[in-house]
Every structure is written in structure tokens, then in C-alpha cells.
């Protein structure tokens, strides 16, 4: 299983893959643009194919990337809800609207 985490890496290094037991971790420098992130992950996958670092498959990397994007997106959403009160009200209103819709559909 592959996990992607943010870490402060030495200068010039955008990504680093390491194996911790049966888990593989890819450390990415925080603040990368989308293009830099794609390029560093592509380069990490290529070096794994050449035998440097832990073995990675493209499928494992895709699943890890989706999980990483979900995790960071939810963290950003939670941060926005915590810091801005209107976001919490909008979220509560949306949930209440969905609950009312479910009640109306089940009654009808």
C-alpha cells in the first residue's frame, strides 16, 4: 500500500519514496504546483521501475494520489468551516435541506 505525505525535503528534491515495512510512503515537498507534482510523481515511478527505491506500480500510485487529494481537500474544507462562521451555517443549511427532502420524498 502506498501513502503520500508532505515533508520538508532537501533543496532540489521534490519527491522521495521510502519503504516502511510493507507500506510505501512517497514524501512530497509542500507547495508544489500541479505540474511539478505530476512530474515528481512520474520521476519517482520511473526510478522505481529502474530498481531505485521501493517497487511502485502505476495503479498503486493512482489510488494513493486520489486518497491524498481527498485527504487534503477535506482538510481544507474543515479549516474553512472552522475559521469562517458562514461556511458552517451553509453546511448546516445544506444538511437540513437534504433531511427535509428525504422526509418529503418518503411521505409522498
Protein backbone atom coordinates (compact mmCIF):
# COMPACT_ATOMS: atom_id res chain seq x y z
CA UNK A 1 0.00 0.00 0.00
CA UNK A 2 1.28 3.44 -0.95
CA UNK A 3 0.70 6.61 1.06
CA UNK A 4 1.57 10.15 0.00
CA UNK A 5 2.65 12.63 2.68
CA UNK A 6 4.04 16.14 2.72
CA UNK A 7 7.54 16.63 4.10
CA UNK A 8 10.31 19.18 4.03
CA UNK A 9 12.87 17.72 1.65
CA UNK A 10 16.42 18.86 0.88
CA UNK A 11 16.86 21.56 -1.77
CA UNK A 12 16.21 20.44 -5.33
CA UNK A 13 14.29 17.32 -4.27
CA UNK A 14 10.53 17.41 -4.87
CA UNK A 15 9.66 13.78 -4.04
CA UNK A 16 11.22 10.85 -2.20
CA UNK A 17 9.94 7.27 -1.95
CA UNK A 18 10.70 5.09 1.06
CA UNK A 19 9.58 1.68 2.29
CA UNK A 20 8.46 1.23 5.90
CA UNK A 21 7.76 -2.46 6.35
CA UNK A 22 5.06 -3.45 3.89
CA UNK A 23 3.97 0.19 3.40
CA UNK A 24 5.49 2.51 0.85
CA UNK A 25 5.49 6.24 1.52
CA UNK A 26 6.08 8.95 -1.04
CA UNK A 27 7.13 12.22 0.54
CA UNK A 28 6.26 15.33 -1.48
CA UNK A 29 7.51 18.85 -0.88
CA UNK A 30 4.56 21.04 0.20
CA UNK A 31 3.52 23.90 -2.07
CA UNK A 32 4.20 22.22 -5.41
CA UNK A 33 2.16 23.26 -8.42
CA UNK A 34 0.09 20.62 -10.18
CA UNK A 35 2.64 20.27 -12.96
CA UNK A 36 5.54 19.94 -10.52
CA UNK A 37 3.64 17.33 -8.52
CA UNK A 38 2.81 15.28 -11.64
CA UNK A 39 6.41 15.47 -12.85
CA UNK A 40 7.88 14.47 -9.50
CA UNK A 41 5.49 11.52 -9.17
CA UNK A 42 6.29 10.44 -12.74
CA UNK A 43 10.00 10.64 -11.97
CA UNK A 44 9.51 8.65 -8.74
CA UNK A 45 7.65 5.94 -10.67
CA UNK A 46 10.41 5.81 -13.30
CA UNK A 47 13.17 5.46 -10.71
CA UNK A 48 11.19 2.67 -9.01
CA UNK A 49 10.99 0.84 -12.35
CA UNK A 50 14.78 1.12 -12.70
CA UNK A 51 15.22 -0.53 -9.30
CA UNK A 52 15.97 2.51 -7.15
CA UNK A 53 13.73 2.78 -4.10
CA UNK A 54 10.71 0.62 -3.30
CA UNK A 55 8.82 -1.01 -6.18
CA UNK A 56 5.77 1.02 -7.21
CA UNK A 57 3.01 0.27 -9.67
CA UNK A 58 1.07 2.91 -11.55
CA UNK A 59 -2.19 1.58 -10.11
CA UNK A 60 -0.96 1.87 -6.51
CA UNK A 61 0.26 5.38 -7.22
CA UNK A 62 -3.10 6.42 -8.71
CA UNK A 63 -5.02 5.12 -5.69
CA UNK A 64 -2.61 6.87 -3.32
CA UNK A 65 -2.91 10.13 -5.28
CA UNK A 66 -6.73 10.05 -5.14
CA UNK A 67 -6.61 9.35 -1.39
CA UNK A 68 -4.10 12.18 -0.90
CA UNK A 69 -6.25 14.65 -2.84
CA UNK A 70 -9.36 13.65 -0.85
CA UNK A 71 -7.50 13.95 2.42
CA UNK A 72 -6.05 17.39 1.62
CA UNK A 73 -9.37 18.62 0.20
CA UNK A 74 -11.28 17.57 3.30
CA UNK A 75 -8.64 19.16 5.50
CA UNK A 76 -9.01 22.44 3.58
CA UNK A 77 -12.81 22.24 3.88
CA UNK A 78 -12.61 21.58 7.61
CA UNK A 79 -10.24 24.51 8.01
CA UNK A 80 -12.59 26.81 6.11
CA UNK A 81 -15.58 25.72 8.22
CA UNK A 82 -13.61 26.25 11.43
CA UNK A 83 -12.37 29.71 10.52
CA UNK A 84 -15.43 31.18 8.82
CA UNK A 85 -18.84 31.01 10.55
CA UNK A 86 -20.88 31.45 7.36
CA UNK A 87 -19.39 28.24 5.96
CA UNK A 88 -20.72 26.35 8.98
CA UNK A 89 -24.15 27.88 8.51
CA UNK A 90 -24.18 26.95 4.82
CA UNK A 91 -23.16 23.40 5.65
CA UNK A 92 -25.84 23.10 8.34
CA UNK A 93 -28.44 24.57 5.98
CA UNK A 94 -27.50 22.13 3.24
CA UNK A 95 -27.75 19.18 5.61
CA UNK A 96 -31.12 20.39 6.89
CA UNK A 97 -32.36 20.82 3.32
CA UNK A 98 -31.32 17.27 2.44
CA UNK A 99 -33.05 15.94 5.56
CA UNK A 100 -36.27 17.80 4.65
CA UNK A 101 -36.09 16.49 1.10
CA UNK A 102 -35.70 12.92 2.36
CA UNK A 103 -38.72 13.34 4.65
CA UNK A 104 -40.85 14.81 1.85
CA UNK A 105 -39.89 12.07 -0.58
CA UNK A 106 -40.58 9.30 1.94
CA UNK A 107 -44.02 10.78 2.80
CA UNK A 108 -45.04 11.18 -0.83
